[in-house]
Amino acid sequence: MTWQVEIDPRQCMASGSCAAIAPDLFAVGGAHARPLNDRIEEDERALDAADVCPAMAITVRDGERVIGPRP
């Protein structure tokens, strides 16, 4: 199963926390971060990145269900 990873550029403040946790999943460039791929294999680090994002800009979906950030 694959997950969909999105970063809302309107919320992202380019803190770099996502890229620090998972540099093979996220990159920071310019005014905001971006996922390196829109679809990824299940990877707990994507959820960790969504959890620690100070702007809450990262959303991880499993199909239609939002699984990150976690409550």
C-alpha atoms as a PDB file:
ATOM      1  CA  MET A   1       0.000   0.000   0.000  1.00  0.00           C
ATOM      2  CA  THR A   2       1.204   3.532  -0.692  1.00  0.00           C
ATOM      3  CA  TRP A   3       0.584   6.750   1.149  1.00  0.00           C
ATOM      4  CA  GLN A   4      -0.007  10.191  -0.330  1.00  0.00           C
ATOM      5  CA  VAL A   5       2.101  13.015   1.125  1.00  0.00           C
ATOM      6  CA  GLU A   6       1.198  16.681   0.695  1.00  0.00           C
ATOM      7  CA  ILE A   7       2.668  19.925   1.988  1.00  0.00           C
ATOM      8  CA  ASP A   8       0.450  23.001   1.949  1.00  0.00           C
ATOM      9  CA  PRO A   9       2.743  25.778   0.649  1.00  0.00           C
ATOM     10  CA  ARG A  10       0.483  28.423   2.226  1.00  0.00           C
ATOM     11  CA  GLN A  11       1.145  26.974   5.681  1.00  0.00           C
ATOM     12  CA  CYS A  12       4.740  25.775   5.310  1.00  0.00           C
ATOM     13  CA  MET A  13       7.361  28.026   6.907  1.00  0.00           C
ATOM     14  CA  ALA A  14      10.374  26.007   5.630  1.00  0.00           C
ATOM     15  CA  SER A  15      11.584  25.074   9.115  1.00  0.00           C
ATOM     16  CA  GLY A  16      13.332  22.023   7.656  1.00  0.00           C
ATOM     17  CA  SER A  17      12.132  19.658  10.377  1.00  0.00           C
ATOM     18  CA  CYS A  18      10.623  17.301   7.791  1.00  0.00           C
ATOM     19  CA  ALA A  19      13.834  17.116   5.771  1.00  0.00           C
ATOM     20  CA  ALA A  20      15.843  16.593   8.955  1.00  0.00           C
ATOM     21  CA  ILE A  21      13.702  13.588   9.900  1.00  0.00           C
ATOM     22  CA  ALA A  22      13.450  12.097   6.409  1.00  0.00           C
ATOM     23  CA  PRO A  23      15.834  13.683   3.875  1.00  0.00           C
ATOM     24  CA  ASP A  24      14.931  11.012   1.328  1.00  0.00           C
ATOM     25  CA  LEU A  25      11.224  11.973   1.570  1.00  0.00           C
ATOM     26  CA  PHE A  26      11.316  15.798   1.896  1.00  0.00           C
ATOM     27  CA  ALA A  27      13.393  18.707   0.593  1.00  0.00           C
ATOM     28  CA  VAL A  28      13.460  22.381   1.518  1.00  0.00           C
ATOM     29  CA  GLY A  29      13.973  24.922  -1.205  1.00  0.00           C
ATOM     30  CA  GLY A  30      12.934  28.519  -1.413  1.00  0.00           C
ATOM     31  CA  ALA A  31       9.964  29.537   0.671  1.00  0.00           C
ATOM     32  CA  HIS A  32       8.707  26.059   1.570  1.00  0.00           C
ATOM     33  CA  ALA A  33       9.411  22.349   1.737  1.00  0.00           C
ATOM     34  CA  ARG A  34       8.107  19.758  -0.666  1.00  0.00           C
ATOM     35  CA  PRO A  35       7.756  15.999  -0.729  1.00  0.00           C
ATOM     36  CA  LEU A  36      10.208  14.366  -3.123  1.00  0.00           C
ATOM     37  CA  ASN A  37       7.390  12.058  -4.265  1.00  0.00           C
ATOM     38  CA  ASP A  38       3.629  12.487  -3.936  1.00  0.00           C
ATOM     39  CA  ARG A  39       3.225   8.760  -3.274  1.00  0.00           C
ATOM     40  CA  ILE A  40       5.494   6.804  -0.962  1.00  0.00           C
ATOM     41  CA  GLU A  41       5.652   3.328   0.485  1.00  0.00           C
ATOM     42  CA  GLU A  42       4.380   3.247   4.059  1.00  0.00           C
ATOM     43  CA  ASP A  43       7.064   4.965   6.138  1.00  0.00           C
ATOM     44  CA  GLU A  44       6.683   5.921   9.790  1.00  0.00           C
ATOM     45  CA  ARG A  45       9.082   8.824   9.262  1.00  0.00           C
ATOM     46  CA  ALA A  46       6.500  10.581   7.073  1.00  0.00           C
ATOM     47  CA  LEU A  47       4.084  10.459  10.002  1.00  0.00           C
ATOM     48  CA  ASP A  48       6.810  11.668  12.372  1.00  0.00           C
ATOM     49  CA  ALA A  49       7.507  14.608  10.039  1.00  0.00           C
ATOM     50  CA  ALA A  50       3.808  15.505   9.926  1.00  0.00           C
ATOM     51  CA  ASP A  51       3.641  15.306  13.720  1.00  0.00           C
ATOM     52  CA  VAL A  52       6.591  17.659  14.340  1.00  0.00           C
ATOM     53  CA  CYS A  53       5.887  20.192  11.589  1.00  0.00           C
ATOM     54  CA  PRO A  54       5.552  23.506  13.480  1.00  0.00           C
ATOM     55  CA  ALA A  55       3.123  24.849  10.865  1.00  0.00           C
ATOM     56  CA  MET A  56       1.076  21.623  10.614  1.00  0.00           C
ATOM     57  CA  ALA A  57       1.567  21.874   6.837  1.00  0.00           C
ATOM     58  CA  ILE A  58       2.103  18.158   6.123  1.00  0.00           C
ATOM     59  CA  THR A  59      -0.783  15.776   5.469  1.00  0.00           C
ATOM     60  CA  VAL A  60      -0.323  12.038   5.010  1.00  0.00           C
ATOM     61  CA  ARG A  61      -3.193   9.992   3.565  1.00  0.00           C
ATOM     62  CA  ASP A  62      -3.810   6.277   3.294  1.00  0.00           C
ATOM     63  CA  GLY A  63      -6.363   6.251   0.499  1.00  0.00           C
ATOM     64  CA  GLU A  64      -9.024   8.760   1.512  1.00  0.00           C
ATOM     65  CA  ARG A  65      -8.194   8.548   5.228  1.00  0.00           C
ATOM     66  CA  VAL A  66      -5.915  11.168   6.811  1.00  0.00           C
ATOM     67  CA  ILE A  67      -3.380   9.374   8.992  1.00  0.00           C
ATOM     68  CA  GLY A  68      -0.967  12.210   9.697  1.00  0.00           C
ATOM     69  CA  PRO A  69      -0.473  14.352  11.567  1.00  0.00           C
ATOM     70  CA  ARG A  70      -1.561  12.116  14.396  1.00  0.00           C
ATOM     71  CA  PRO A  71      -3.733  13.510  17.200  1.00  0.00           C
END
